[in-house]
């Protein structure tokens, strides 16, 4: 099983902390990698495509036509595919959301973060 398909469970705070380490302070540069087609999309890519709230839970292809049938019967969009982190095939990352407003903690499913784009800080 490839690393991008391996189940990983982390808290929402752990995900956020890791994203800041990998991508720096601008959350729009946080990127997720589709475990099906390997497309890497940033939160800004999703904002530009019309829905920043879907970042990390769907492949960018779902917003860019990945669900629209073509005359030849395929459903391939401009880029990406139609994969989603929820539904029958969940994850591969499980993000534990904190309890709030009297509701218990719950899990949300996510694509893995993409490889880092900023160099890690070197200890002095």
N, C-alpha and C. Protein backbone atom coordinates (compact mmCIF):
# COMPACT_ATOMS: atom_id res chain seq x y z
N UNK A 1 0.85 -1.18 0.00
CA UNK A 1 0.00 0.00 0.00
C UNK A 1 0.90 1.24 0.00
N UNK A 2 0.63 2.18 -0.90
CA UNK A 2 1.43 3.40 -0.95
C UNK A 2 1.11 4.29 0.24
N UNK A 3 2.05 5.18 0.57
CA UNK A 3 1.85 6.08 1.70
C UNK A 3 0.62 6.96 1.53
N UNK A 4 0.32 7.33 0.31
CA UNK A 4 -0.83 8.22 0.10
C UNK A 4 -2.16 7.52 0.34
N UNK A 5 -2.16 6.16 0.37
CA UNK A 5 -3.39 5.41 0.63
C UNK A 5 -3.44 4.86 2.05
N UNK A 6 -2.37 5.04 2.81
CA UNK A 6 -2.29 4.49 4.15
C UNK A 6 -3.17 5.29 5.11
N UNK A 7 -3.96 4.57 5.92
CA UNK A 7 -4.82 5.24 6.90
C UNK A 7 -3.95 5.94 7.94
N UNK A 8 -4.32 7.15 8.23
CA UNK A 8 -3.64 7.92 9.28
C UNK A 8 -4.71 8.66 10.06
N UNK A 9 -4.62 8.62 11.39
CA UNK A 9 -5.59 9.29 12.25
C UNK A 9 -4.87 10.38 13.02
N UNK A 10 -5.39 11.61 12.92
CA UNK A 10 -4.81 12.73 13.64
C UNK A 10 -5.89 13.73 14.01
N UNK A 11 -5.59 14.56 14.98
CA UNK A 11 -6.56 15.57 15.40
C UNK A 11 -6.56 16.72 14.41
N UNK A 12 -7.60 17.53 14.47
CA UNK A 12 -7.67 18.70 13.61
C UNK A 12 -6.47 19.61 13.87
N UNK A 13 -6.08 19.76 15.13
CA UNK A 13 -4.93 20.60 15.46
C UNK A 13 -3.64 20.02 14.90
N UNK A 14 -3.47 18.71 14.96
CA UNK A 14 -2.27 18.08 14.39
C UNK A 14 -2.20 18.29 12.88
N UNK A 15 -3.34 18.18 12.20
CA UNK A 15 -3.38 18.43 10.76
C UNK A 15 -2.98 19.87 10.47
N UNK A 16 -3.55 20.80 11.20
CA UNK A 16 -3.25 22.22 10.99
C UNK A 16 -1.77 22.51 11.24
N UNK A 17 -1.24 21.99 12.33
CA UNK A 17 0.17 22.21 12.66
C UNK A 17 1.08 21.66 11.56
N UNK A 18 0.77 20.45 11.07
CA UNK A 18 1.59 19.85 10.02
C UNK A 18 1.49 20.65 8.72
N UNK A 19 0.31 21.15 8.41
CA UNK A 19 0.14 21.96 7.19
C UNK A 19 0.96 23.24 7.27
N UNK A 20 0.95 23.90 8.42
CA UNK A 20 1.78 25.11 8.57
C UNK A 20 3.26 24.80 8.40
N UNK A 21 3.72 23.67 8.96
CA UNK A 21 5.13 23.30 8.81
C UNK A 21 5.47 23.02 7.34
N UNK A 22 4.57 22.39 6.62
CA UNK A 22 4.85 22.03 5.23
C UNK A 22 4.74 23.19 4.25
N UNK A 23 3.78 24.08 4.50
CA UNK A 23 3.45 25.07 3.47
C UNK A 23 3.63 26.52 3.88
N UNK A 24 3.93 26.77 5.16
CA UNK A 24 4.12 28.14 5.59
C UNK A 24 2.83 28.76 6.11
N UNK A 25 2.86 30.08 6.33
CA UNK A 25 1.77 30.75 7.05
C UNK A 25 0.50 31.04 6.25
N UNK A 26 0.55 30.97 4.93
CA UNK A 26 -0.62 31.30 4.10
C UNK A 26 -1.46 30.04 3.88
N UNK A 27 -2.62 29.96 4.53
CA UNK A 27 -3.44 28.75 4.43
C UNK A 27 -3.89 28.46 2.99
N UNK A 28 -3.91 29.47 2.14
CA UNK A 28 -4.31 29.24 0.75
C UNK A 28 -3.30 28.36 0.01
N UNK A 29 -2.07 28.24 0.55
CA UNK A 29 -1.05 27.40 -0.08
C UNK A 29 -1.07 25.97 0.45
N UNK A 30 -1.88 25.68 1.45
CA UNK A 30 -2.00 24.31 1.95
C UNK A 30 -2.48 23.44 0.79
N UNK A 31 -1.84 22.30 0.60
CA UNK A 31 -2.14 21.45 -0.54
C UNK A 31 -2.41 20.01 -0.11
N UNK A 32 -3.32 19.38 -0.84
CA UNK A 32 -3.70 18.00 -0.59
C UNK A 32 -3.48 17.20 -1.87
N UNK A 33 -3.13 15.93 -1.71
CA UNK A 33 -2.87 15.07 -2.86
C UNK A 33 -3.97 14.02 -2.97
N UNK A 34 -4.58 13.95 -4.13
CA UNK A 34 -5.62 12.95 -4.37
C UNK A 34 -5.00 11.56 -4.33
N UNK A 35 -5.53 10.67 -3.50
CA UNK A 35 -4.97 9.33 -3.43
C UNK A 35 -5.28 8.46 -4.64
N UNK A 36 -6.19 8.91 -5.50
CA UNK A 36 -6.55 8.15 -6.68
C UNK A 36 -5.72 8.54 -7.89
N UNK A 37 -5.62 9.84 -8.19
CA UNK A 37 -4.93 10.27 -9.42
C UNK A 37 -3.64 11.04 -9.17
N UNK A 38 -3.32 11.30 -7.90
CA UNK A 38 -2.08 12.01 -7.49
C UNK A 38 -2.10 13.51 -7.77
N UNK A 39 -3.20 14.06 -8.26
CA UNK A 39 -3.27 15.50 -8.49
C UNK A 39 -3.07 16.21 -7.15
N UNK A 40 -2.29 17.28 -7.18
CA UNK A 40 -2.06 18.10 -5.99
C UNK A 40 -2.77 19.43 -6.20
N UNK A 41 -3.64 19.77 -5.26
CA UNK A 41 -4.41 21.01 -5.36
C UNK A 41 -4.33 21.77 -4.05
N UNK A 42 -4.13 23.07 -4.16
CA UNK A 42 -4.08 23.94 -2.99
C UNK A 42 -5.48 24.43 -2.64
N UNK A 43 -5.59 24.98 -1.46
CA UNK A 43 -6.87 25.61 -1.09
C UNK A 43 -7.19 26.73 -2.08
N UNK A 44 -6.17 27.47 -2.53
CA UNK A 44 -6.40 28.53 -3.51
C UNK A 44 -6.95 27.97 -4.81
N UNK A 45 -6.47 26.79 -5.24
CA UNK A 45 -7.01 26.15 -6.45
C UNK A 45 -8.52 25.93 -6.31
N UNK A 46 -8.94 25.47 -5.12
CA UNK A 46 -10.36 25.23 -4.88
C UNK A 46 -11.14 26.54 -4.83
N UNK A 47 -10.56 27.56 -4.21
CA UNK A 47 -11.21 28.88 -4.19
C UNK A 47 -11.41 29.38 -5.62
N UNK A 48 -10.35 29.28 -6.43
CA UNK A 48 -10.43 29.72 -7.83
C UNK A 48 -11.46 28.92 -8.62
N UNK A 49 -11.64 27.64 -8.27
CA UNK A 49 -12.61 26.79 -8.97
C UNK A 49 -14.03 26.99 -8.46
N UNK A 50 -14.19 27.73 -7.34
CA UNK A 50 -15.54 28.06 -6.90
C UNK A 50 -15.96 27.56 -5.54
N UNK A 51 -15.13 26.74 -4.85
CA UNK A 51 -15.55 26.24 -3.54
C UNK A 51 -14.36 25.81 -2.70
N UNK A 52 -13.81 26.73 -1.94
CA UNK A 52 -12.67 26.46 -1.08
C UNK A 52 -12.96 25.49 0.04
N UNK A 53 -14.23 25.30 0.38
CA UNK A 53 -14.59 24.39 1.47
C UNK A 53 -14.42 22.92 1.12
N UNK A 54 -14.23 22.61 -0.13
CA UNK A 54 -14.10 21.20 -0.54
C UNK A 54 -12.64 20.73 -0.55
N UNK A 55 -11.71 21.64 -0.34
CA UNK A 55 -10.28 21.29 -0.36
C UNK A 55 -9.99 20.22 0.67
N UNK A 56 -9.24 19.23 0.25
CA UNK A 56 -8.85 18.15 1.14
C UNK A 56 -9.85 17.03 1.24
N UNK A 57 -11.08 17.28 0.81
CA UNK A 57 -12.11 16.24 0.89
C UNK A 57 -12.53 15.73 -0.48
N UNK A 58 -12.17 16.46 -1.52
CA UNK A 58 -12.50 16.04 -2.89
C UNK A 58 -11.32 16.35 -3.79
N UNK A 59 -11.19 15.59 -4.85
CA UNK A 59 -10.21 15.91 -5.87
C UNK A 59 -10.71 17.17 -6.61
N UNK A 60 -9.79 18.01 -7.00
CA UNK A 60 -10.13 19.24 -7.72
C UNK A 60 -10.93 18.92 -8.99
N UNK A 61 -10.74 17.72 -9.53
CA UNK A 61 -11.47 17.32 -10.74
C UNK A 61 -12.97 17.33 -10.58
N UNK A 62 -13.48 17.12 -9.35
CA UNK A 62 -14.94 17.15 -9.14
C UNK A 62 -15.50 18.54 -9.43
N UNK A 63 -14.71 19.58 -9.17
CA UNK A 63 -15.15 20.94 -9.46
C UNK A 63 -14.87 21.33 -10.91
N UNK A 64 -13.93 20.64 -11.53
CA UNK A 64 -13.51 21.01 -12.88
C UNK A 64 -14.06 20.09 -13.96
N UNK A 65 -15.15 19.39 -13.66
CA UNK A 65 -15.81 18.59 -14.69
C UNK A 65 -15.59 17.11 -14.60
N UNK A 66 -14.96 16.63 -13.53
CA UNK A 66 -14.68 15.20 -13.40
C UNK A 66 -15.92 14.33 -13.28
N UNK A 67 -17.07 14.93 -13.01
CA UNK A 67 -18.31 14.16 -12.91
C UNK A 67 -19.20 14.30 -14.15
N UNK A 68 -18.77 15.12 -15.10
CA UNK A 68 -19.56 15.37 -16.29
C UNK A 68 -19.19 14.38 -17.39
N UNK A 69 -20.15 13.55 -17.83
CA UNK A 69 -19.83 12.59 -18.89
C UNK A 69 -19.46 13.28 -20.19
N UNK A 70 -18.45 12.76 -20.86
CA UNK A 70 -18.06 13.22 -22.19
C UNK A 70 -18.76 12.36 -23.23
N UNK A 71 -18.76 12.80 -24.49
CA UNK A 71 -19.40 11.99 -25.54
C UNK A 71 -18.83 10.57 -25.65
N UNK A 72 -17.55 10.40 -25.29
CA UNK A 72 -16.95 9.06 -25.39
C UNK A 72 -17.24 8.19 -24.16
N UNK A 73 -18.03 8.73 -23.20
CA UNK A 73 -18.40 7.96 -22.01
C UNK A 73 -17.49 8.15 -20.82
N UNK A 74 -16.34 8.80 -21.01
CA UNK A 74 -15.44 9.05 -19.89
C UNK A 74 -15.96 10.22 -19.07
N UNK A 75 -15.41 10.36 -17.87
CA UNK A 75 -15.81 11.46 -17.00
C UNK A 75 -14.59 12.28 -16.58
N UNK A 76 -13.55 12.27 -17.34
CA UNK A 76 -12.33 12.97 -16.99
C UNK A 76 -12.50 14.47 -17.20
N UNK A 77 -12.14 15.28 -16.19
CA UNK A 77 -12.22 16.72 -16.27
C UNK A 77 -10.94 17.31 -16.83
N UNK A 78 -10.77 18.61 -16.65
CA UNK A 78 -9.59 19.32 -17.12
C UNK A 78 -8.34 18.78 -16.42
N UNK A 79 -8.49 18.49 -15.14
CA UNK A 79 -7.42 17.88 -14.36
C UNK A 79 -8.06 17.12 -13.22
N UNK A 80 -7.33 16.24 -12.61
CA UNK A 80 -7.85 15.49 -11.49
C UNK A 80 -8.83 14.41 -11.90
N UNK A 81 -9.63 13.97 -10.93
CA UNK A 81 -10.61 12.91 -11.17
C UNK A 81 -11.85 13.20 -10.32
N UNK A 82 -12.69 12.20 -10.10
CA UNK A 82 -13.93 12.45 -9.35
C UNK A 82 -13.90 11.85 -7.94
N UNK A 83 -12.72 11.53 -7.43
CA UNK A 83 -12.56 10.90 -6.12
C UNK A 83 -12.95 11.84 -4.99
N UNK A 84 -13.49 11.27 -3.91
CA UNK A 84 -13.83 12.04 -2.70
C UNK A 84 -13.37 11.25 -1.48
N UNK A 85 -13.07 11.94 -0.39
CA UNK A 85 -12.58 11.31 0.83
C UNK A 85 -13.72 10.75 1.68
N UNK A 86 -14.95 11.04 1.32
CA UNK A 86 -16.10 10.58 2.07
C UNK A 86 -16.87 9.57 1.22
N UNK A 87 -17.80 8.88 1.80
CA UNK A 87 -18.59 7.92 1.04
C UNK A 87 -18.09 6.50 1.25
N UNK A 88 -18.25 5.67 0.24
CA UNK A 88 -17.91 4.26 0.34
C UNK A 88 -16.43 4.05 0.66
N UNK A 89 -15.55 4.73 -0.07
CA UNK A 89 -14.11 4.63 0.16
C UNK A 89 -13.64 5.90 0.86
N UNK A 90 -13.58 5.84 2.18
CA UNK A 90 -13.26 7.03 2.96
C UNK A 90 -11.75 7.20 3.12
N UNK A 91 -11.39 8.48 3.36
CA UNK A 91 -10.01 8.78 3.73
C UNK A 91 -9.11 8.99 2.55
N UNK A 92 -7.86 8.71 2.78
CA UNK A 92 -7.28 7.82 3.76
C UNK A 92 -6.97 8.43 5.13
N UNK A 93 -6.99 9.75 5.24
CA UNK A 93 -6.71 10.35 6.54
C UNK A 93 -8.02 10.58 7.29
N UNK A 94 -8.00 10.25 8.57
CA UNK A 94 -9.14 10.48 9.47
C UNK A 94 -8.76 11.63 10.39
N UNK A 95 -9.55 12.68 10.35
CA UNK A 95 -9.29 13.87 11.16
C UNK A 95 -10.32 13.90 12.28
N UNK A 96 -9.83 13.86 13.52
CA UNK A 96 -10.72 13.88 14.68
C UNK A 96 -11.02 15.33 15.04
N UNK A 97 -12.28 15.69 14.90
CA UNK A 97 -12.73 17.05 15.18
C UNK A 97 -13.09 17.14 16.66
N UNK A 98 -12.75 18.24 17.32
CA UNK A 98 -13.00 18.35 18.76
C UNK A 98 -14.49 18.44 19.09
N UNK A 99 -14.82 18.02 20.31
CA UNK A 99 -16.19 18.17 20.80
C UNK A 99 -16.49 19.65 20.95
N UNK A 100 -17.74 20.03 20.65
CA UNK A 100 -18.13 21.43 20.81
C UNK A 100 -19.64 21.53 20.94
N UNK A 101 -20.09 22.55 21.63
CA UNK A 101 -21.52 22.81 21.82
C UNK A 101 -22.28 21.58 22.33
N UNK A 102 -21.65 20.83 23.23
CA UNK A 102 -22.30 19.66 23.80
C UNK A 102 -22.31 18.43 22.91
N UNK A 103 -21.75 18.55 21.72
CA UNK A 103 -21.68 17.42 20.80
C UNK A 103 -20.34 16.71 20.99
N UNK A 104 -20.32 15.38 20.87
CA UNK A 104 -19.06 14.64 21.06
C UNK A 104 -18.11 14.88 19.90
N UNK A 105 -16.84 14.51 20.10
CA UNK A 105 -15.90 14.61 19.00
C UNK A 105 -16.36 13.70 17.87
N UNK A 106 -15.95 14.02 16.66
CA UNK A 106 -16.35 13.25 15.50
C UNK A 106 -15.19 13.20 14.52
N UNK A 107 -15.28 12.30 13.58
CA UNK A 107 -14.24 12.19 12.57
C UNK A 107 -14.73 12.74 11.24
N UNK A 108 -13.82 13.36 10.53
CA UNK A 108 -14.03 13.78 9.15
C UNK A 108 -12.91 13.11 8.36
N UNK A 109 -13.14 12.87 7.09
CA UNK A 109 -12.17 12.17 6.27
C UNK A 109 -11.51 13.13 5.30
N UNK A 110 -10.24 12.88 5.03
CA UNK A 110 -9.46 13.82 4.24
C UNK A 110 -8.46 13.09 3.34
N UNK A 111 -8.06 13.78 2.30
CA UNK A 111 -6.90 13.36 1.51
C UNK A 111 -5.66 13.70 2.33
N UNK A 112 -4.54 13.06 2.04
CA UNK A 112 -3.30 13.42 2.73
C UNK A 112 -2.79 14.78 2.26
N UNK A 113 -2.04 15.42 3.13
CA UNK A 113 -1.35 16.63 2.71
C UNK A 113 -0.34 16.27 1.63
N UNK A 114 -0.12 17.19 0.72
CA UNK A 114 0.88 17.00 -0.33
C UNK A 114 2.28 17.16 0.27
N UNK A 115 3.31 16.76 -0.47
CA UNK A 115 4.67 16.97 0.03
C UNK A 115 4.93 18.46 0.29
N UNK A 116 5.86 18.71 1.18
CA UNK A 116 6.18 20.08 1.61
C UNK A 116 6.66 20.94 0.44
N UNK A 117 6.31 22.23 0.51
CA UNK A 117 6.77 23.17 -0.51
C UNK A 117 7.70 24.24 0.07
N UNK A 118 7.83 24.27 1.39
CA UNK A 118 8.77 25.21 2.01
C UNK A 118 9.79 24.40 2.78
N UNK A 119 11.06 24.87 2.78
CA UNK A 119 12.06 24.11 3.51
C UNK A 119 11.77 24.12 5.01
N UNK A 120 12.02 22.99 5.64
CA UNK A 120 11.85 22.91 7.09
C UNK A 120 12.89 23.82 7.76
N UNK A 121 12.49 24.40 8.87
CA UNK A 121 13.43 25.25 9.60
C UNK A 121 14.56 24.40 10.15
N UNK A 122 15.75 24.87 9.97
CA UNK A 122 16.93 24.15 10.45
C UNK A 122 17.25 24.67 11.85
N UNK A 123 17.36 23.75 12.83
CA UNK A 123 17.68 24.20 14.18
C UNK A 123 19.03 24.91 14.21
N UNK A 124 19.13 25.93 15.03
CA UNK A 124 20.37 26.71 15.13
C UNK A 124 21.45 25.93 15.86
